[in-house]
Amino acid sequence: QVQLVESGGGLVQPGGSLRLSCATSTNSFRFYAMGWYRQAPGKQRELVATITRAGITNYADSVKGRFTINRDNAKNTVSLQMNSLKPEDTAVYYCNAHNVLTTKDNWGQGTQVTVSS
C-alpha cells in the first residue's frame, strides 16, 4: 500500500497560479505511473494529467497549455503546476499512483482548489 499526501491547494483568483505536490511513501517509485484527477461538486472524478515512468505526459483538453505535470524520481514526488486558473478548475484534486506491475491504483486524500474572485 502506497501512501500519497497532496499539498498546495487553496483559494486563488481567476488568472492566478497554484502548484500541487504529491509525496509518496514508496521506494519503488520507478514502477508507478502518476496522475492528477479532480472532482467538482456533483460531478464525476475526471483525469487532469498523467505522466508515465518515462516522463511521457497526457493532459485533459480543458487544461492543455495551462497545467504542467512533472515527476521527481529522486524524491518520489509528482507535482502539478496550474497557471491561468479558471473558476471551472475549482475541485478537489487527487493524486494517483498506478503500479504498472500489479495494476493496483492508490489515491491520496485530496486537496481543495478554489478559483474565485
N, C-alpha and C. Protein backbone atom coordinates (compact mmCIF):
# COMPACT_ATOMS: atom_id res chain seq x y z
N GLN A 1 0.84 -1.18 0.00
CA GLN A 1 0.00 0.00 0.00
C GLN A 1 0.88 1.24 0.00
N VAL A 2 0.68 2.09 -0.99
CA VAL A 2 1.45 3.32 -1.10
C VAL A 2 0.65 4.46 -0.50
N GLN A 3 1.28 5.21 0.37
CA GLN A 3 0.63 6.39 0.95
C GLN A 3 0.96 7.61 0.08
N LEU A 4 -0.08 8.38 -0.24
CA LEU A 4 0.08 9.58 -1.05
C LEU A 4 -0.44 10.77 -0.24
N VAL A 5 0.34 11.83 -0.19
CA VAL A 5 -0.06 13.02 0.55
C VAL A 5 0.04 14.23 -0.36
N GLU A 6 -1.13 14.83 -0.65
CA GLU A 6 -1.16 16.02 -1.51
C GLU A 6 -1.02 17.29 -0.66
N SER A 7 -0.49 18.32 -1.28
CA SER A 7 -0.40 19.62 -0.63
C SER A 7 -0.40 20.70 -1.71
N GLY A 8 -0.66 21.93 -1.28
CA GLY A 8 -0.57 23.06 -2.20
C GLY A 8 -1.89 23.64 -2.66
N GLY A 9 -2.99 23.04 -2.26
CA GLY A 9 -4.28 23.59 -2.65
C GLY A 9 -4.59 24.88 -1.91
N GLY A 10 -5.67 25.53 -2.33
CA GLY A 10 -6.07 26.76 -1.66
C GLY A 10 -7.02 27.58 -2.50
N LEU A 11 -7.18 28.83 -2.10
CA LEU A 11 -8.05 29.78 -2.79
C LEU A 11 -7.20 30.72 -3.63
N VAL A 12 -7.57 30.89 -4.89
CA VAL A 12 -6.82 31.75 -5.79
C VAL A 12 -7.80 32.48 -6.70
N GLN A 13 -7.43 33.66 -7.12
CA GLN A 13 -8.28 34.43 -8.03
C GLN A 13 -8.15 33.92 -9.46
N PRO A 14 -9.15 34.13 -10.26
CA PRO A 14 -9.05 33.75 -11.68
C PRO A 14 -7.83 34.38 -12.32
N GLY A 15 -7.13 33.57 -13.12
CA GLY A 15 -5.89 34.01 -13.73
C GLY A 15 -4.66 33.73 -12.90
N GLY A 16 -4.86 33.30 -11.68
CA GLY A 16 -3.74 33.03 -10.79
C GLY A 16 -3.13 31.66 -10.99
N SER A 17 -2.17 31.32 -10.13
CA SER A 17 -1.44 30.05 -10.25
C SER A 17 -1.39 29.35 -8.90
N LEU A 18 -1.32 28.04 -8.97
CA LEU A 18 -1.08 27.19 -7.81
C LEU A 18 -0.20 26.03 -8.24
N ARG A 19 0.53 25.50 -7.27
CA ARG A 19 1.35 24.32 -7.53
C ARG A 19 0.99 23.26 -6.51
N LEU A 20 0.50 22.12 -7.01
CA LEU A 20 0.18 21.00 -6.15
C LEU A 20 1.36 20.03 -6.11
N SER A 21 1.57 19.43 -4.96
CA SER A 21 2.62 18.42 -4.81
C SER A 21 2.02 17.17 -4.20
N CYS A 22 2.61 16.04 -4.56
CA CYS A 22 2.17 14.74 -4.02
C CYS A 22 3.41 13.97 -3.60
N ALA A 23 3.51 13.70 -2.33
CA ALA A 23 4.62 12.92 -1.79
C ALA A 23 4.17 11.47 -1.63
N THR A 24 5.03 10.53 -2.03
CA THR A 24 4.69 9.12 -1.93
C THR A 24 5.59 8.42 -0.92
N SER A 25 5.09 7.31 -0.39
CA SER A 25 5.85 6.58 0.62
C SER A 25 6.66 5.44 0.02
N THR A 26 6.53 5.23 -1.28
CA THR A 26 7.16 4.07 -1.90
C THR A 26 8.63 4.30 -2.19
N ASN A 27 9.40 3.21 -2.11
CA ASN A 27 10.79 3.22 -2.56
C ASN A 27 10.90 2.61 -3.96
N SER A 28 9.74 2.28 -4.55
CA SER A 28 9.71 1.69 -5.88
C SER A 28 8.97 2.62 -6.85
N PHE A 29 9.25 3.91 -6.70
CA PHE A 29 8.56 4.93 -7.49
C PHE A 29 8.67 4.67 -8.98
N ARG A 30 9.76 4.01 -9.38
CA ARG A 30 10.01 3.77 -10.80
C ARG A 30 8.99 2.84 -11.42
N PHE A 31 8.23 2.12 -10.58
CA PHE A 31 7.23 1.19 -11.08
C PHE A 31 5.84 1.83 -11.19
N TYR A 32 5.76 3.14 -10.92
CA TYR A 32 4.46 3.80 -10.88
C TYR A 32 4.32 4.84 -11.97
N ALA A 33 3.20 4.76 -12.69
CA ALA A 33 2.74 5.88 -13.49
C ALA A 33 1.93 6.77 -12.55
N MET A 34 2.09 8.07 -12.70
CA MET A 34 1.46 9.00 -11.76
C MET A 34 0.44 9.88 -12.48
N GLY A 35 -0.52 10.37 -11.71
CA GLY A 35 -1.53 11.23 -12.33
C GLY A 35 -2.22 12.12 -11.32
N TRP A 36 -2.88 13.12 -11.85
CA TRP A 36 -3.75 14.00 -11.07
C TRP A 36 -5.15 13.92 -11.66
N TYR A 37 -6.11 13.81 -10.76
CA TYR A 37 -7.53 13.78 -11.12
C TYR A 37 -8.23 14.85 -10.28
N ARG A 38 -9.43 15.21 -10.70
CA ARG A 38 -10.19 16.18 -9.91
C ARG A 38 -11.66 15.82 -9.91
N GLN A 39 -12.34 16.29 -8.88
CA GLN A 39 -13.76 16.05 -8.76
C GLN A 39 -14.44 17.32 -8.24
N ALA A 40 -15.30 17.87 -9.07
CA ALA A 40 -16.07 19.05 -8.68
C ALA A 40 -17.38 18.60 -8.05
N PRO A 41 -18.00 19.45 -7.25
CA PRO A 41 -19.28 19.07 -6.61
C PRO A 41 -20.32 18.65 -7.63
N GLY A 42 -20.92 17.49 -7.39
CA GLY A 42 -21.97 17.00 -8.27
C GLY A 42 -21.49 16.39 -9.57
N LYS A 43 -20.17 16.27 -9.72
CA LYS A 43 -19.62 15.72 -10.96
C LYS A 43 -18.76 14.50 -10.67
N GLN A 44 -18.51 13.72 -11.71
CA GLN A 44 -17.64 12.56 -11.56
C GLN A 44 -16.17 12.97 -11.54
N ARG A 45 -15.37 12.12 -10.95
CA ARG A 45 -13.93 12.36 -10.96
C ARG A 45 -13.43 12.27 -12.39
N GLU A 46 -12.54 13.20 -12.77
CA GLU A 46 -12.03 13.23 -14.14
C GLU A 46 -10.52 13.35 -14.14
N LEU A 47 -9.94 12.85 -15.22
CA LEU A 47 -8.49 12.93 -15.39
C LEU A 47 -8.08 14.36 -15.68
N VAL A 48 -7.00 14.79 -15.05
CA VAL A 48 -6.42 16.10 -15.34
C VAL A 48 -5.13 15.93 -16.14
N ALA A 49 -4.22 15.11 -15.60
CA ALA A 49 -2.93 14.91 -16.27
C ALA A 49 -2.30 13.63 -15.75
N THR A 50 -1.53 12.97 -16.62
CA THR A 50 -0.79 11.79 -16.22
C THR A 50 0.63 11.88 -16.75
N ILE A 51 1.51 11.13 -16.11
CA ILE A 51 2.90 11.07 -16.55
C ILE A 51 3.39 9.64 -16.37
N THR A 52 3.97 9.08 -17.42
CA THR A 52 4.45 7.71 -17.36
C THR A 52 5.79 7.63 -16.65
N ARG A 53 6.27 6.42 -16.48
CA ARG A 53 7.57 6.24 -15.84
C ARG A 53 8.67 6.88 -16.68
N ALA A 54 8.45 6.92 -17.99
CA ALA A 54 9.45 7.51 -18.89
C ALA A 54 9.29 9.01 -19.04
N GLY A 55 8.28 9.58 -18.38
CA GLY A 55 8.10 11.02 -18.44
C GLY A 55 7.18 11.51 -19.55
N ILE A 56 6.47 10.59 -20.17
CA ILE A 56 5.53 10.99 -21.21
C ILE A 56 4.25 11.50 -20.55
N THR A 57 3.80 12.66 -20.98
CA THR A 57 2.66 13.31 -20.32
C THR A 57 1.41 13.28 -21.19
N ASN A 58 0.28 13.37 -20.51
CA ASN A 58 -1.02 13.43 -21.17
C ASN A 58 -1.90 14.36 -20.37
N TYR A 59 -2.67 15.22 -21.07
CA TYR A 59 -3.49 16.21 -20.40
C TYR A 59 -4.93 16.18 -20.90
N ALA A 60 -5.84 16.52 -20.02
CA ALA A 60 -7.21 16.76 -20.45
C ALA A 60 -7.22 17.99 -21.35
N ASP A 61 -8.09 18.01 -22.34
CA ASP A 61 -8.14 19.14 -23.26
C ASP A 61 -8.39 20.45 -22.52
N SER A 62 -9.14 20.39 -21.44
CA SER A 62 -9.51 21.60 -20.72
C SER A 62 -8.35 22.27 -20.00
N VAL A 63 -7.23 21.55 -19.83
CA VAL A 63 -6.10 22.13 -19.10
C VAL A 63 -4.84 22.24 -19.94
N LYS A 64 -4.89 21.75 -21.17
CA LYS A 64 -3.71 21.81 -22.03
C LYS A 64 -3.23 23.25 -22.21
N GLY A 65 -1.93 23.43 -22.08
CA GLY A 65 -1.35 24.77 -22.22
C GLY A 65 -1.37 25.58 -20.95
N ARG A 66 -2.09 25.10 -19.94
CA ARG A 66 -2.17 25.84 -18.67
C ARG A 66 -1.55 25.06 -17.50
N PHE A 67 -1.68 23.74 -17.53
CA PHE A 67 -1.17 22.90 -16.44
C PHE A 67 0.04 22.11 -16.92
N THR A 68 0.96 21.83 -16.00
CA THR A 68 2.13 21.03 -16.30
C THR A 68 2.37 20.03 -15.18
N ILE A 69 2.46 18.76 -15.57
CA ILE A 69 2.76 17.70 -14.60
C ILE A 69 4.23 17.33 -14.70
N ASN A 70 4.85 17.11 -13.55
CA ASN A 70 6.25 16.69 -13.51
C ASN A 70 6.43 15.66 -12.42
N ARG A 71 7.43 14.81 -12.59
CA ARG A 71 7.77 13.85 -11.54
C ARG A 71 9.24 13.98 -11.21
N ASP A 72 9.55 13.77 -9.94
CA ASP A 72 10.93 13.79 -9.47
C ASP A 72 11.23 12.39 -8.96
N ASN A 73 11.93 11.61 -9.77
CA ASN A 73 12.19 10.22 -9.42
C ASN A 73 13.18 10.07 -8.27
N ALA A 74 13.93 11.11 -8.00
CA ALA A 74 14.88 11.07 -6.87
C ALA A 74 14.17 11.31 -5.54
N LYS A 75 13.09 12.10 -5.59
CA LYS A 75 12.36 12.44 -4.37
C LYS A 75 11.04 11.69 -4.24
N ASN A 76 10.71 10.88 -5.26
CA ASN A 76 9.46 10.11 -5.25
C ASN A 76 8.23 11.01 -5.14
N THR A 77 8.26 12.10 -5.89
CA THR A 77 7.15 13.05 -5.84
C THR A 77 6.66 13.38 -7.24
N VAL A 78 5.44 13.89 -7.29
CA VAL A 78 4.87 14.38 -8.54
C VAL A 78 4.21 15.72 -8.24
N SER A 79 4.26 16.62 -9.20
CA SER A 79 3.70 17.94 -9.00
C SER A 79 2.79 18.32 -10.16
N LEU A 80 1.95 19.31 -9.91
CA LEU A 80 1.07 19.84 -10.95
C LEU A 80 1.12 21.36 -10.84
N GLN A 81 1.74 22.00 -11.81
CA GLN A 81 1.77 23.45 -11.89
C GLN A 81 0.55 23.91 -12.65
N MET A 82 -0.26 24.75 -12.02
CA MET A 82 -1.51 25.20 -12.62
C MET A 82 -1.46 26.71 -12.81
N ASN A 83 -1.51 27.14 -14.06
CA ASN A 83 -1.47 28.56 -14.39
C ASN A 83 -2.78 28.97 -15.06
N SER A 84 -3.00 30.26 -15.11
CA SER A 84 -4.21 30.81 -15.76
C SER A 84 -5.47 30.10 -15.28
N LEU A 85 -5.58 29.98 -13.99
CA LEU A 85 -6.69 29.22 -13.41
C LEU A 85 -8.03 29.90 -13.68
N LYS A 86 -9.04 29.05 -13.85
CA LYS A 86 -10.40 29.50 -14.14
C LYS A 86 -11.35 29.00 -13.05
N PRO A 87 -12.48 29.65 -12.88
CA PRO A 87 -13.43 29.17 -11.87
C PRO A 87 -13.83 27.71 -12.09
N GLU A 88 -13.87 27.28 -13.34
CA GLU A 88 -14.25 25.89 -13.62
C GLU A 88 -13.16 24.88 -13.24
N ASP A 89 -12.00 25.36 -12.82
CA ASP A 89 -10.96 24.47 -12.30
C ASP A 89 -11.20 24.14 -10.82
N THR A 90 -12.17 24.77 -10.22
CA THR A 90 -12.48 24.52 -8.82
C THR A 90 -12.91 23.06 -8.61
N ALA A 91 -12.21 22.37 -7.71
CA ALA A 91 -12.47 20.96 -7.47
C ALA A 91 -11.55 20.46 -6.36
N VAL A 92 -11.80 19.25 -5.93
CA VAL A 92 -10.84 18.55 -5.09
C VAL A 92 -9.91 17.79 -6.03
N TYR A 93 -8.63 17.99 -5.86
CA TYR A 93 -7.62 17.37 -6.72
C TYR A 93 -6.98 16.18 -6.00
N TYR A 94 -6.93 15.06 -6.71
CA TYR A 94 -6.43 13.82 -6.14
C TYR A 94 -5.18 13.35 -6.89
N CYS A 95 -4.21 12.90 -6.13
CA CYS A 95 -3.03 12.28 -6.69
C CYS A 95 -3.28 10.78 -6.85
N ASN A 96 -2.82 10.23 -7.96
CA ASN A 96 -2.97 8.80 -8.23
C ASN A 96 -1.63 8.18 -8.56
N ALA A 97 -1.41 6.99 -8.00
CA ALA A 97 -0.21 6.21 -8.31
C ALA A 97 -0.64 4.86 -8.84
N HIS A 98 -0.30 4.57 -10.07
CA HIS A 98 -0.70 3.33 -10.72
C HIS A 98 0.51 2.41 -10.85
N ASN A 99 0.47 1.29 -10.15
CA ASN A 99 1.57 0.32 -10.23
C ASN A 99 1.46 -0.45 -11.54
N VAL A 100 2.46 -0.32 -12.40
CA VAL A 100 2.37 -0.94 -13.72
C VAL A 100 2.60 -2.45 -13.65
N LEU A 101 3.13 -2.96 -12.54
CA LEU A 101 3.36 -4.40 -12.39
C LEU A 101 2.10 -5.11 -11.85
N THR A 102 1.47 -4.51 -10.85
CA THR A 102 0.30 -5.14 -10.23
C THR A 102 -1.01 -4.57 -10.74
N THR A 103 -0.95 -3.45 -11.45
CA THR A 103 -2.10 -2.68 -11.95
C THR A 103 -2.94 -2.09 -10.82
N LYS A 104 -2.42 -2.06 -9.61
CA LYS A 104 -3.16 -1.50 -8.48
C LYS A 104 -3.05 0.02 -8.49
N ASP A 105 -4.18 0.65 -8.16
CA ASP A 105 -4.23 2.10 -8.06
C ASP A 105 -4.24 2.53 -6.59
N ASN A 106 -3.52 3.60 -6.30
CA ASN A 106 -3.50 4.19 -4.98
C ASN A 106 -3.89 5.66 -5.11
N TRP A 107 -4.64 6.14 -4.11
CA TRP A 107 -5.15 7.51 -4.16
C TRP A 107 -4.78 8.28 -2.90
N GLY A 108 -4.56 9.57 -3.07
CA GLY A 108 -4.37 10.44 -1.93
C GLY A 108 -5.72 10.88 -1.37
N GLN A 109 -5.67 11.69 -0.33
CA GLN A 109 -6.89 12.12 0.34
C GLN A 109 -7.54 13.32 -0.35
N GLY A 110 -6.81 13.96 -1.25
CA GLY A 110 -7.34 15.09 -2.00
C GLY A 110 -6.99 16.42 -1.38
N THR A 111 -6.89 17.44 -2.22
CA THR A 111 -6.65 18.80 -1.76
C THR A 111 -7.58 19.74 -2.53
N GLN A 112 -8.19 20.66 -1.80
CA GLN A 112 -9.19 21.55 -2.40
C GLN A 112 -8.53 22.70 -3.13
N VAL A 113 -8.97 22.93 -4.36
CA VAL A 113 -8.57 24.10 -5.13
C VAL A 113 -9.83 24.89 -5.45
N THR A 114 -9.83 26.15 -5.04
CA THR A 114 -10.97 27.03 -5.29
C THR A 114 -10.49 28.26 -6.06
N VAL A 115 -11.11 28.48 -7.21
CA VAL A 115 -10.76 29.64 -8.04
C VAL A 115 -11.96 30.58 -8.03
N SER A 116 -11.78 31.71 -7.37
CA SER A 116 -12.89 32.64 -7.19
C SER A 116 -12.37 34.03 -6.89
N SER A 117 -13.11 35.03 -7.35
CA SER A 117 -12.76 36.41 -7.04
C SER A 117 -13.51 36.87 -5.79
